[in-house]
Amino acid sequence: MKVTLIREISGAELIHGFEKTYGSINKLEKLHQRKPENMKIYMDLDDWKYYQEHPQEIIEYSKTIITEKLTLGKLEMELLNWPE
């Protein structure tokens, strides 16, 4: 079974999520300086800078779950944890 979850958010909503995760862009920049090899931190910082200039732009996230046996409990957990 293949299930694809799709979610659309604005750049402003993405930044709000970054603020909840990192606190501020300055904290994220310091984290990036300490761990420059971490690609997630690098991409989050790059996205934050871009969407500060484009807060109304819409972003589409998708996540695909592929499994032979998808129990309702697992599907529910994936939905509750979306986006990670």
N, C-alpha and C. Protein backbone atom coordinates (compact mmCIF):
# COMPACT_ATOMS: atom_id res chain seq x y z
N MET A 1 0.84 -1.16 0.00
CA MET A 1 0.00 0.00 0.00
C MET A 1 0.89 1.23 0.00
N LYS A 2 0.48 2.22 -0.76
CA LYS A 2 1.22 3.48 -0.83
C LYS A 2 0.27 4.61 -0.45
N VAL A 3 0.67 5.39 0.55
CA VAL A 3 -0.12 6.53 1.00
C VAL A 3 0.77 7.77 0.87
N THR A 4 0.26 8.82 0.22
CA THR A 4 1.00 10.06 0.10
C THR A 4 0.25 11.17 0.83
N LEU A 5 0.95 11.80 1.75
CA LEU A 5 0.39 12.92 2.50
C LEU A 5 0.91 14.21 1.87
N ILE A 6 0.03 15.16 1.61
CA ILE A 6 0.41 16.43 1.01
C ILE A 6 -0.10 17.56 1.89
N ARG A 7 0.75 18.53 2.15
CA ARG A 7 0.39 19.66 2.99
C ARG A 7 0.95 20.93 2.36
N GLU A 8 0.15 21.99 2.32
CA GLU A 8 0.60 23.28 1.81
C GLU A 8 0.61 24.29 2.95
N ILE A 9 1.73 25.04 3.05
CA ILE A 9 1.83 26.11 4.03
C ILE A 9 2.48 27.32 3.37
N SER A 10 2.32 28.48 4.00
CA SER A 10 2.97 29.69 3.50
C SER A 10 4.38 29.80 4.07
N GLY A 11 5.16 30.67 3.47
CA GLY A 11 6.50 30.93 3.99
C GLY A 11 6.45 31.43 5.43
N ALA A 12 5.45 32.26 5.74
CA ALA A 12 5.30 32.78 7.10
C ALA A 12 5.04 31.65 8.10
N GLU A 13 4.23 30.66 7.71
CA GLU A 13 3.96 29.52 8.59
C GLU A 13 5.23 28.69 8.79
N LEU A 14 6.03 28.56 7.74
CA LEU A 14 7.28 27.82 7.84
C LEU A 14 8.21 28.50 8.85
N ILE A 15 8.32 29.82 8.75
CA ILE A 15 9.17 30.58 9.67
C ILE A 15 8.66 30.42 11.10
N HIS A 16 7.35 30.45 11.28
CA HIS A 16 6.78 30.24 12.62
C HIS A 16 7.22 28.89 13.19
N GLY A 17 7.21 27.87 12.35
CA GLY A 17 7.68 26.55 12.78
C GLY A 17 9.15 26.56 13.14
N PHE A 18 9.96 27.27 12.36
CA PHE A 18 11.38 27.39 12.67
C PHE A 18 11.57 28.10 14.02
N GLU A 19 10.76 29.13 14.27
CA GLU A 19 10.87 29.86 15.55
C GLU A 19 10.55 28.94 16.72
N LYS A 20 9.57 28.06 16.55
CA LYS A 20 9.23 27.10 17.61
C LYS A 20 10.37 26.10 17.82
N THR A 21 11.02 25.72 16.72
CA THR A 21 12.10 24.72 16.80
C THR A 21 13.41 25.32 17.29
N TYR A 22 13.81 26.46 16.70
CA TYR A 22 15.14 27.02 16.96
C TYR A 22 15.15 28.26 17.85
N GLY A 23 14.02 28.92 18.01
CA GLY A 23 13.95 30.14 18.81
C GLY A 23 14.11 31.39 17.97
N SER A 24 15.22 31.52 17.29
CA SER A 24 15.46 32.69 16.45
C SER A 24 16.43 32.31 15.34
N ILE A 25 16.47 33.16 14.32
CA ILE A 25 17.41 32.90 13.22
C ILE A 25 18.85 33.02 13.70
N ASN A 26 19.10 33.88 14.68
CA ASN A 26 20.46 34.02 15.23
C ASN A 26 20.91 32.73 15.92
N LYS A 27 20.00 32.09 16.65
CA LYS A 27 20.33 30.82 17.29
C LYS A 27 20.61 29.75 16.24
N LEU A 28 19.82 29.76 15.17
CA LEU A 28 20.04 28.78 14.11
C LEU A 28 21.38 29.03 13.41
N GLU A 29 21.73 30.29 13.20
CA GLU A 29 23.03 30.60 12.58
C GLU A 29 24.18 30.13 13.47
N LYS A 30 24.07 30.31 14.78
CA LYS A 30 25.11 29.84 15.70
C LYS A 30 25.20 28.32 15.68
N LEU A 31 24.05 27.66 15.63
CA LEU A 31 24.02 26.20 15.54
C LEU A 31 24.69 25.73 14.26
N HIS A 32 24.44 26.43 13.17
CA HIS A 32 25.06 26.08 11.89
C HIS A 32 26.58 26.28 11.95
N GLN A 33 27.05 27.31 12.64
CA GLN A 33 28.49 27.53 12.78
C GLN A 33 29.15 26.40 13.56
N ARG A 34 28.42 25.86 14.57
CA ARG A 34 28.97 24.75 15.37
C ARG A 34 28.91 23.42 14.62
N LYS A 35 27.91 23.27 13.74
CA LYS A 35 27.72 21.98 13.04
C LYS A 35 27.52 22.24 11.54
N PRO A 36 28.54 22.75 10.85
CA PRO A 36 28.37 23.08 9.42
C PRO A 36 28.11 21.87 8.53
N GLU A 37 28.42 20.67 9.00
CA GLU A 37 28.19 19.47 8.20
C GLU A 37 26.73 18.99 8.24
N ASN A 38 25.93 19.53 9.15
CA ASN A 38 24.54 19.11 9.30
C ASN A 38 23.68 19.76 8.21
N MET A 39 23.26 18.97 7.23
CA MET A 39 22.53 19.49 6.09
C MET A 39 21.13 19.98 6.46
N LYS A 40 20.48 19.38 7.44
CA LYS A 40 19.15 19.84 7.85
C LYS A 40 19.23 21.26 8.39
N ILE A 41 20.23 21.52 9.23
CA ILE A 41 20.41 22.86 9.78
C ILE A 41 20.70 23.85 8.66
N TYR A 42 21.57 23.45 7.74
CA TYR A 42 21.91 24.32 6.61
C TYR A 42 20.67 24.65 5.78
N MET A 43 19.87 23.63 5.46
CA MET A 43 18.68 23.85 4.63
C MET A 43 17.64 24.68 5.37
N ASP A 44 17.45 24.44 6.67
CA ASP A 44 16.50 25.24 7.44
C ASP A 44 16.92 26.70 7.48
N LEU A 45 18.20 26.95 7.65
CA LEU A 45 18.70 28.33 7.67
C LEU A 45 18.51 28.99 6.31
N ASP A 46 18.82 28.27 5.25
CA ASP A 46 18.64 28.79 3.89
C ASP A 46 17.17 29.09 3.61
N ASP A 47 16.29 28.17 4.00
CA ASP A 47 14.85 28.38 3.81
C ASP A 47 14.35 29.57 4.63
N TRP A 48 14.81 29.70 5.86
CA TRP A 48 14.39 30.80 6.72
C TRP A 48 14.73 32.14 6.07
N LYS A 49 15.96 32.25 5.58
CA LYS A 49 16.39 33.49 4.94
C LYS A 49 15.55 33.79 3.70
N TYR A 50 15.29 32.76 2.89
CA TYR A 50 14.52 32.95 1.67
C TYR A 50 13.08 33.37 1.98
N TYR A 51 12.43 32.67 2.89
CA TYR A 51 11.01 32.93 3.17
C TYR A 51 10.78 34.18 4.01
N GLN A 52 11.84 34.75 4.60
CA GLN A 52 11.71 36.07 5.21
C GLN A 52 11.40 37.10 4.12
N GLU A 53 11.97 36.88 2.95
CA GLU A 53 11.76 37.79 1.82
C GLU A 53 10.50 37.43 1.02
N HIS A 54 9.98 36.21 1.18
CA HIS A 54 8.84 35.72 0.42
C HIS A 54 7.82 35.04 1.34
N PRO A 55 7.27 35.76 2.33
CA PRO A 55 6.40 35.12 3.33
C PRO A 55 5.08 34.60 2.78
N GLN A 56 4.61 35.11 1.66
CA GLN A 56 3.32 34.68 1.11
C GLN A 56 3.45 33.50 0.14
N GLU A 57 4.67 33.14 -0.20
CA GLU A 57 4.87 32.03 -1.13
C GLU A 57 4.39 30.72 -0.50
N ILE A 58 3.75 29.88 -1.29
CA ILE A 58 3.19 28.61 -0.81
C ILE A 58 4.21 27.49 -1.03
N ILE A 59 4.36 26.66 -0.01
CA ILE A 59 5.28 25.52 -0.03
C ILE A 59 4.45 24.25 0.06
N GLU A 60 4.74 23.28 -0.78
CA GLU A 60 4.03 22.01 -0.73
C GLU A 60 4.96 20.93 -0.22
N TYR A 61 4.57 20.32 0.89
CA TYR A 61 5.31 19.20 1.46
C TYR A 61 4.58 17.92 1.11
N SER A 62 5.34 16.88 0.83
CA SER A 62 4.72 15.57 0.64
C SER A 62 5.57 14.51 1.34
N LYS A 63 4.90 13.49 1.77
CA LYS A 63 5.55 12.37 2.44
C LYS A 63 4.84 11.11 1.97
N THR A 64 5.60 10.14 1.51
CA THR A 64 5.03 8.90 1.03
C THR A 64 5.37 7.77 2.00
N ILE A 65 4.37 7.00 2.33
CA ILE A 65 4.52 5.84 3.20
C ILE A 65 4.22 4.62 2.34
N ILE A 66 5.19 3.70 2.27
CA ILE A 66 5.01 2.47 1.49
C ILE A 66 5.21 1.29 2.42
N THR A 67 4.22 0.40 2.44
CA THR A 67 4.31 -0.78 3.28
C THR A 67 3.37 -1.86 2.75
N GLU A 68 3.72 -3.09 3.00
CA GLU A 68 2.84 -4.19 2.60
C GLU A 68 1.69 -4.33 3.59
N LYS A 69 1.99 -4.11 4.84
CA LYS A 69 0.97 -4.24 5.88
C LYS A 69 0.91 -2.93 6.65
N LEU A 70 -0.06 -2.13 6.35
CA LEU A 70 -0.25 -0.85 7.03
C LEU A 70 -1.39 -0.99 8.01
N THR A 71 -1.05 -1.02 9.26
CA THR A 71 -2.10 -1.10 10.27
C THR A 71 -2.65 0.30 10.52
N LEU A 72 -3.87 0.36 10.93
CA LEU A 72 -4.49 1.65 11.20
C LEU A 72 -3.70 2.41 12.26
N GLY A 73 -3.16 1.72 13.23
CA GLY A 73 -2.37 2.38 14.26
C GLY A 73 -1.14 3.07 13.70
N LYS A 74 -0.45 2.41 12.76
CA LYS A 74 0.74 3.01 12.15
C LYS A 74 0.35 4.21 11.31
N LEU A 75 -0.72 4.10 10.56
CA LEU A 75 -1.18 5.22 9.74
C LEU A 75 -1.54 6.41 10.62
N GLU A 76 -2.23 6.13 11.69
CA GLU A 76 -2.59 7.21 12.62
C GLU A 76 -1.34 7.88 13.19
N MET A 77 -0.35 7.09 13.53
CA MET A 77 0.89 7.65 14.07
C MET A 77 1.59 8.52 13.03
N GLU A 78 1.64 8.07 11.79
CA GLU A 78 2.26 8.86 10.73
C GLU A 78 1.52 10.18 10.53
N LEU A 79 0.20 10.14 10.58
CA LEU A 79 -0.58 11.36 10.42
C LEU A 79 -0.37 12.32 11.58
N LEU A 80 -0.29 11.77 12.79
CA LEU A 80 -0.08 12.62 13.97
C LEU A 80 1.31 13.24 13.98
N ASN A 81 2.29 12.57 13.40
CA ASN A 81 3.66 13.07 13.39
C ASN A 81 3.99 13.89 12.16
N TRP A 82 3.02 14.17 11.31
CA TRP A 82 3.25 14.92 10.07
C TRP A 82 3.18 16.39 10.34
N PRO A 83 4.07 17.28 9.90
CA PRO A 83 5.38 16.96 9.35
C PRO A 83 6.37 16.70 10.46
N GLU A 84 7.38 15.97 10.16
CA GLU A 84 8.40 15.65 11.17
C GLU A 84 9.39 16.76 11.27
